[in-house]
C-alpha atoms as a PDB file:
ATOM      1  CA  UNK A   1     -47.473-106.968  -6.247  1.00  0.00           C
ATOM      2  CA  UNK A   2     -46.685-103.400  -5.273  1.00  0.00           C
ATOM      3  CA  UNK A   3     -45.291-102.452  -1.894  1.00  0.00           C
ATOM      4  CA  UNK A   4     -46.398 -99.167  -0.369  1.00  0.00           C
ATOM      5  CA  UNK A   5     -44.039 -96.233   0.022  1.00  0.00           C
ATOM      6  CA  UNK A   6     -43.543 -96.704   3.762  1.00  0.00           C
ATOM      7  CA  UNK A   7     -42.691-100.407   3.369  1.00  0.00           C
ATOM      8  CA  UNK A   8     -40.200 -99.642   0.577  1.00  0.00           C
ATOM      9  CA  UNK A   9     -38.661 -96.907   2.734  1.00  0.00           C
ATOM     10  CA  UNK A  10     -38.311 -99.175   5.752  1.00  0.00           C
ATOM     11  CA  UNK A  11     -36.765-101.948   3.646  1.00  0.00           C
ATOM     12  CA  UNK A  12     -34.205 -99.519   2.236  1.00  0.00           C
ATOM     13  CA  UNK A  13     -33.384 -98.127   5.680  1.00  0.00           C
ATOM     14  CA  UNK A  14     -33.126-101.644   7.108  1.00  0.00           C
ATOM     15  CA  UNK A  15     -30.624-102.579   4.402  1.00  0.00           C
ATOM     16  CA  UNK A  16     -28.656 -99.392   5.089  1.00  0.00           C
ATOM     17  CA  UNK A  17     -28.663-100.232   8.814  1.00  0.00           C
ATOM     18  CA  UNK A  18     -27.177-103.628   8.021  1.00  0.00           C
ATOM     19  CA  UNK A  19     -24.172-102.168   6.174  1.00  0.00           C
ATOM     20  CA  UNK A  20     -23.327 -99.381   8.631  1.00  0.00           C
ATOM     21  CA  UNK A  21     -19.820 -99.779  10.008  1.00  0.00           C
ATOM     22  CA  UNK A  22     -19.012 -99.875  13.739  1.00  0.00           C
ATOM     23  CA  UNK A  23     -17.523 -96.372  13.638  1.00  0.00           C
ATOM     24  CA  UNK A  24     -20.947 -95.016  12.567  1.00  0.00           C
ATOM     25  CA  UNK A  25     -20.007 -94.511   8.897  1.00  0.00           C
ATOM     26  CA  UNK A  26     -21.266 -96.059   5.703  1.00  0.00           C
ATOM     27  CA  UNK A  27     -18.877 -97.573   3.195  1.00  0.00           C
ATOM     28  CA  UNK A  28     -17.882 -95.587   0.138  1.00  0.00           C
ATOM     29  CA  UNK A  29     -14.987 -96.224  -2.186  1.00  0.00           C
ATOM     30  CA  UNK A  30     -13.801 -92.638  -1.991  1.00  0.00           C
ATOM     31  CA  UNK A  31     -15.320 -90.807   0.930  1.00  0.00           C
ATOM     32  CA  UNK A  32     -17.226 -92.420   3.805  1.00  0.00           C
ATOM     33  CA  UNK A  33     -18.076 -89.002   5.330  1.00  0.00           C
ATOM     34  CA  UNK A  34     -19.977 -87.981   2.192  1.00  0.00           C
ATOM     35  CA  UNK A  35     -21.888 -91.267   2.061  1.00  0.00           C
ATOM     36  CA  UNK A  36     -22.603 -91.021   5.785  1.00  0.00           C
ATOM     37  CA  UNK A  37     -23.980 -87.496   5.401  1.00  0.00           C
ATOM     38  CA  UNK A  38     -26.243 -88.654   2.563  1.00  0.00           C
ATOM     39  CA  UNK A  39     -27.521 -91.691   4.479  1.00  0.00           C
ATOM     40  CA  UNK A  40     -28.047 -89.603   7.615  1.00  0.00           C
ATOM     41  CA  UNK A  41     -30.208 -87.172   5.628  1.00  0.00           C
ATOM     42  CA  UNK A  42     -32.253 -90.124   4.336  1.00  0.00           C
ATOM     43  CA  UNK A  43     -32.858 -91.431   7.860  1.00  0.00           C
ATOM     44  CA  UNK A  44     -33.834 -87.952   9.067  1.00  0.00           C
ATOM     45  CA  UNK A  45     -36.243 -87.550   6.133  1.00  0.00           C
ATOM     46  CA  UNK A  46     -37.928 -90.747   7.305  1.00  0.00           C
ATOM     47  CA  UNK A  47     -38.271 -89.337  10.820  1.00  0.00           C
ATOM     48  CA  UNK A  48     -35.352 -91.021  12.590  1.00  0.00           C
ATOM     49  CA  UNK A  49     -33.185 -89.303  15.184  1.00  0.00           C
ATOM     50  CA  UNK A  50     -29.696 -89.290  13.626  1.00  0.00           C
ATOM     51  CA  UNK A  51     -28.046 -89.561  17.040  1.00  0.00           C
ATOM     52  CA  UNK A  52     -29.600 -93.014  17.476  1.00  0.00           C
ATOM     53  CA  UNK A  53     -28.514 -94.450  14.114  1.00  0.00           C
ATOM     54  CA  UNK A  54     -25.940 -97.050  15.214  1.00  0.00           C
ATOM     55  CA  UNK A  55     -24.889-100.379  13.832  1.00  0.00           C
ATOM     56  CA  UNK A  56     -25.570-103.376  16.049  1.00  0.00           C
ATOM     57  CA  UNK A  57     -23.169-103.376  18.976  1.00  0.00           C
ATOM     58  CA  UNK A  58     -21.657 -99.993  18.113  1.00  0.00           C
ATOM     59  CA  UNK A  59     -21.395 -97.082  20.490  1.00  0.00           C
ATOM     60  CA  UNK A  60     -20.788 -94.637  17.613  1.00  0.00           C
ATOM     61  CA  UNK A  61     -23.712 -93.096  15.780  1.00  0.00           C
ATOM     62  CA  UNK A  62     -23.695 -91.595  12.307  1.00  0.00           C
ATOM     63  CA  UNK A  63     -23.531 -88.156  13.945  1.00  0.00           C
ATOM     64  CA  UNK A  64     -20.575 -89.229  16.115  1.00  0.00           C
ATOM     65  CA  UNK A  65     -18.736 -90.252  12.970  1.00  0.00           C
ATOM     66  CA  UNK A  66     -19.582 -87.028  11.124  1.00  0.00           C
ATOM     67  CA  UNK A  67     -18.446 -84.916  14.075  1.00  0.00           C
ATOM     68  CA  UNK A  68     -15.141 -86.815  14.171  1.00  0.00           C
ATOM     69  CA  UNK A  69     -14.624 -86.115  10.461  1.00  0.00           C
ATOM     70  CA  UNK A  70     -15.907 -82.519  10.388  1.00  0.00           C
ATOM     71  CA  UNK A  71     -12.587 -80.667  10.085  1.00  0.00           C
ATOM     72  CA  UNK A  72     -11.172 -82.892   7.367  1.00  0.00           C
ATOM     73  CA  UNK A  73     -14.403 -83.292   5.381  1.00  0.00           C
ATOM     74  CA  UNK A  74     -15.546 -79.663   5.499  1.00  0.00           C
ATOM     75  CA  UNK A  75     -11.996 -78.449   4.913  1.00  0.00           C
ATOM     76  CA  UNK A  76     -11.947 -79.904   1.395  1.00  0.00           C
ATOM     77  CA  UNK A  77     -14.411 -77.615  -0.372  1.00  0.00           C
ATOM     78  CA  UNK A  78     -17.627 -75.576   0.043  1.00  0.00           C
ATOM     79  CA  UNK A  79     -19.904 -78.393  -1.135  1.00  0.00           C
ATOM     80  CA  UNK A  80     -18.750 -80.656   1.678  1.00  0.00           C
ATOM     81  CA  UNK A  81     -18.899 -77.851   4.256  1.00  0.00           C
ATOM     82  CA  UNK A  82     -22.405 -76.924   3.102  1.00  0.00           C
ATOM     83  CA  UNK A  83     -23.616 -80.519   3.164  1.00  0.00           C
ATOM     84  CA  UNK A  84     -22.258 -80.987   6.688  1.00  0.00           C
ATOM     85  CA  UNK A  85     -23.850 -77.711   7.843  1.00  0.00           C
ATOM     86  CA  UNK A  86     -27.164 -78.930   6.422  1.00  0.00           C
ATOM     87  CA  UNK A  87     -26.867 -82.264   8.252  1.00  0.00           C
ATOM     88  CA  UNK A  88     -25.849 -80.595  11.526  1.00  0.00           C
ATOM     89  CA  UNK A  89     -28.613 -77.997  11.432  1.00  0.00           C
ATOM     90  CA  UNK A  90     -31.291 -80.499  10.378  1.00  0.00           C
ATOM     91  CA  UNK A  91     -30.222 -82.843  13.185  1.00  0.00           C
ATOM     92  CA  UNK A  92     -30.529 -80.052  15.743  1.00  0.00           C
ATOM     93  CA  UNK A  93     -26.767 -79.700  16.266  1.00  0.00           C
ATOM     94  CA  UNK A  94     -24.969 -76.380  16.243  1.00  0.00           C
ATOM     95  CA  UNK A  95     -23.348 -75.849  12.832  1.00  0.00           C
ATOM     96  CA  UNK A  96     -21.172 -73.152  14.390  1.00  0.00           C
ATOM     97  CA  UNK A  97     -19.575 -75.806  16.583  1.00  0.00           C
ATOM     98  CA  UNK A  98     -19.918 -79.185  14.932  1.00  0.00           C
ATOM     99  CA  UNK A  99     -17.029 -81.456  15.780  1.00  0.00           C
ATOM    100  CA  UNK A 100     -15.163 -78.332  16.886  1.00  0.00           C
ATOM    101  CA  UNK A 101     -15.651 -76.666  13.490  1.00  0.00           C
ATOM    102  CA  UNK A 102     -17.597 -73.474  12.773  1.00  0.00           C
ATOM    103  CA  UNK A 103     -19.104 -74.554   9.461  1.00  0.00           C
ATOM    104  CA  UNK A 104     -20.950 -71.265   8.973  1.00  0.00           C
ATOM    105  CA  UNK A 105     -17.811 -69.196   9.413  1.00  0.00           C
ATOM    106  CA  UNK A 106     -15.909 -71.589   7.158  1.00  0.00           C
ATOM    107  CA  UNK A 107     -18.485 -71.111   4.405  1.00  0.00           C
ATOM    108  CA  UNK A 108     -18.683 -67.346   4.764  1.00  0.00           C
ATOM    109  CA  UNK A 109     -15.005 -66.608   5.426  1.00  0.00           C
ATOM    110  CA  UNK A 110     -12.974 -69.356   3.786  1.00  0.00           C
ATOM    111  CA  UNK A 111     -15.078 -70.314   0.792  1.00  0.00           C
ATOM    112  CA  UNK A 112     -17.207 -67.309  -0.147  1.00  0.00           C
ATOM    113  CA  UNK A 113     -15.571 -65.057  -2.752  1.00  0.00           C
ATOM    114  CA  UNK A 114     -17.523 -61.770  -2.912  1.00  0.00           C
ATOM    115  CA  UNK A 115     -15.659 -60.505  -5.977  1.00  0.00           C
ATOM    116  CA  UNK A 116     -16.616 -63.659  -7.876  1.00  0.00           C
ATOM    117  CA  UNK A 117     -20.158 -63.822  -6.480  1.00  0.00           C
ATOM    118  CA  UNK A 118     -19.997 -67.376  -5.202  1.00  0.00           C
ATOM    119  CA  UNK A 119     -18.232 -70.131  -3.350  1.00  0.00           C
ATOM    120  CA  UNK A 120     -14.941 -71.646  -4.420  1.00  0.00           C
ATOM    121  CA  UNK A 121     -12.205 -73.782  -2.950  1.00  0.00           C
ATOM    122  CA  UNK A 122      -9.821 -72.153  -0.482  1.00  0.00           C
ATOM    123  CA  UNK A 123      -7.206 -71.345  -3.124  1.00  0.00           C
ATOM    124  CA  UNK A 124      -9.901 -69.745  -5.277  1.00  0.00           C
ATOM    125  CA  UNK A 125      -8.749 -71.617  -8.361  1.00  0.00           C
ATOM    126  CA  UNK A 126     -12.070 -73.216  -9.233  1.00  0.00           C
ATOM    127  CA  UNK A 127     -15.629 -73.481  -8.067  1.00  0.00           C
ATOM    128  CA  UNK A 128     -17.793 -70.584  -9.184  1.00  0.00           C
ATOM    129  CA  UNK A 129     -18.947 -72.666 -12.162  1.00  0.00           C
ATOM    130  CA  UNK A 130     -19.553 -75.750  -9.988  1.00  0.00           C
ATOM    131  CA  UNK A 131     -23.206 -76.443  -9.157  1.00  0.00           C
ATOM    132  CA  UNK A 132     -22.408 -78.423  -5.990  1.00  0.00           C
ATOM    133  CA  UNK A 133     -20.066 -75.668  -4.744  1.00  0.00           C
ATOM    134  CA  UNK A 134     -22.965 -73.199  -4.915  1.00  0.00           C
ATOM    135  CA  UNK A 135     -25.979 -75.377  -4.047  1.00  0.00           C
ATOM    136  CA  UNK A 136     -24.733 -77.167  -0.917  1.00  0.00           C
ATOM    137  CA  UNK A 137     -23.592 -73.958   0.822  1.00  0.00           C
ATOM    138  CA  UNK A 138     -27.015 -72.433   0.048  1.00  0.00           C
ATOM    139  CA  UNK A 139     -28.721 -75.511   1.526  1.00  0.00           C
ATOM    140  CA  UNK A 140     -26.442 -75.539   4.583  1.00  0.00           C
ATOM    141  CA  UNK A 141     -26.757 -71.839   5.327  1.00  0.00           C
ATOM    142  CA  UNK A 142     -30.522 -71.921   4.820  1.00  0.00           C
ATOM    143  CA  UNK A 143     -30.938 -74.978   7.089  1.00  0.00           C
ATOM    144  CA  UNK A 144     -28.937 -73.123   9.743  1.00  0.00           C
ATOM    145  CA  UNK A 145     -31.175 -70.038   9.435  1.00  0.00           C
ATOM    146  CA  UNK A 146     -28.298 -67.983   8.039  1.00  0.00           C
ATOM    147  CA  UNK A 147     -28.357 -65.457   5.227  1.00  0.00           C
ATOM    148  CA  UNK A 148     -26.931 -66.578   1.898  1.00  0.00           C
ATOM    149  CA  UNK A 149     -24.292 -63.975   1.020  1.00  0.00           C
ATOM    150  CA  UNK A 150     -24.204 -61.633  -1.947  1.00  0.00           C
ATOM    151  CA  UNK A 151     -25.257 -62.854  -5.342  1.00  0.00           C
ATOM    152  CA  UNK A 152     -24.756 -66.583  -4.721  1.00  0.00           C
ATOM    153  CA  UNK A 153     -28.371 -67.423  -5.540  1.00  0.00           C
ATOM    154  CA  UNK A 154     -28.081 -65.616  -8.861  1.00  0.00           C
ATOM    155  CA  UNK A 155     -24.745 -67.322  -9.537  1.00  0.00           C
ATOM    156  CA  UNK A 156     -26.449 -70.676  -9.033  1.00  0.00           C
ATOM    157  CA  UNK A 157     -29.355 -69.691 -11.281  1.00  0.00           C
ATOM    158  CA  UNK A 158     -26.892 -68.590 -13.948  1.00  0.00           C
ATOM    159  CA  UNK A 159     -25.476 -72.130 -14.040  1.00  0.00           C
ATOM    160  CA  UNK A 160     -28.803 -73.476 -15.297  1.00  0.00           C
ATOM    161  CA  UNK A 161     -28.559 -74.918 -18.811  1.00  0.00           C
ATOM    162  CA  UNK A 162     -30.880 -74.347 -21.768  1.00  0.00           C
ATOM    163  CA  UNK A 163     -32.614 -77.715 -21.187  1.00  0.00           C
ATOM    164  CA  UNK A 164     -33.652 -76.483 -17.711  1.00  0.00           C
ATOM    165  CA  UNK A 165     -31.193 -78.666 -15.794  1.00  0.00           C
ATOM    166  CA  UNK A 166     -27.810 -78.190 -14.165  1.00  0.00           C
ATOM    167  CA  UNK A 167     -24.461 -79.806 -14.943  1.00  0.00           C
ATOM    168  CA  UNK A 168     -21.856 -80.600 -12.271  1.00  0.00           C
ATOM    169  CA  UNK A 169     -19.787 -77.697 -13.596  1.00  0.00           C
ATOM    170  CA  UNK A 170     -19.303 -75.841 -16.853  1.00  0.00           C
ATOM    171  CA  UNK A 171     -16.255 -77.816 -17.972  1.00  0.00           C
ATOM    172  CA  UNK A 172     -16.720 -79.254 -21.435  1.00  0.00           C
ATOM    173  CA  UNK A 173     -16.540 -83.049 -21.432  1.00  0.00           C
ATOM    174  CA  UNK A 174     -18.644 -85.872 -22.809  1.00  0.00           C
ATOM    175  CA  UNK A 175     -19.836 -87.037 -19.386  1.00  0.00           C
ATOM    176  CA  UNK A 176     -20.568 -83.610 -17.958  1.00  0.00           C
ATOM    177  CA  UNK A 177     -24.205 -83.152 -18.882  1.00  0.00           C
ATOM    178  CA  UNK A 178     -27.300 -82.061 -17.020  1.00  0.00           C
ATOM    179  CA  UNK A 179     -28.398 -84.783 -14.627  1.00  0.00           C
ATOM    180  CA  UNK A 180     -31.152 -85.398 -12.079  1.00  0.00           C
ATOM    181  CA  UNK A 181     -28.507 -85.346  -9.297  1.00  0.00           C
ATOM    182  CA  UNK A 182     -27.176 -81.919 -10.198  1.00  0.00           C
ATOM    183  CA  UNK A 183     -30.601 -80.496 -10.971  1.00  0.00           C
ATOM    184  CA  UNK A 184     -32.184 -81.925  -7.829  1.00  0.00           C
ATOM    185  CA  UNK A 185     -29.566 -80.364  -5.612  1.00  0.00           C
END
C-alpha cells in the first residue's frame, strides 16, 4: 500500500530524530556541520522550529551545534558559508552574527572575487568553475535579503552544461557529470 506524503515525511524526520547526536549534530563521515545544515533545512521545510530540534535528553539543538561550528565550517569555502547563511536566515537568526560570524561579510569580502565574477576559496586558487561555490552563496545571500554581487548569477548560468544540467565543477573526470544534486542546487 502507498503511504501519503505527510506520513512518509514524518517517518523520515522521526528516523533522523533518532540518530541526532547529543551535541545537536547529525553523523557524517566527513563533516557533521554540513549534514546538520542539510537535516535542519529538511526539518524547517516540514514546518519545524530548528531551535527545538534536540535529541532525547540533549540541551543542544541543531542550531546550537551549527552556531558552535560557524567559524570553522564557513571558513572553509563559499559553499559552506552560503549554506550556513541560508540556514541562519531561514531559521530567523541573524546571518551577520551567527555564532559570532558575519556570514554575509565573509561571502562578500572574503570569498567574492569581482575580477573573476564569482566566489572562490580565500586563496583564490579555485572555485569560479564550481557550481556549489556559486549556488550556495546565491541561496544564502538571497535568503538573507541581500543583493547577489556583480555577475555571479551569470557565472552560475554559464556553468550549465549542454544537457541542461550542472556538474560539480568543470574539471574533467569520469565521475564529474551532471547530476540531480548539482542541478537542483
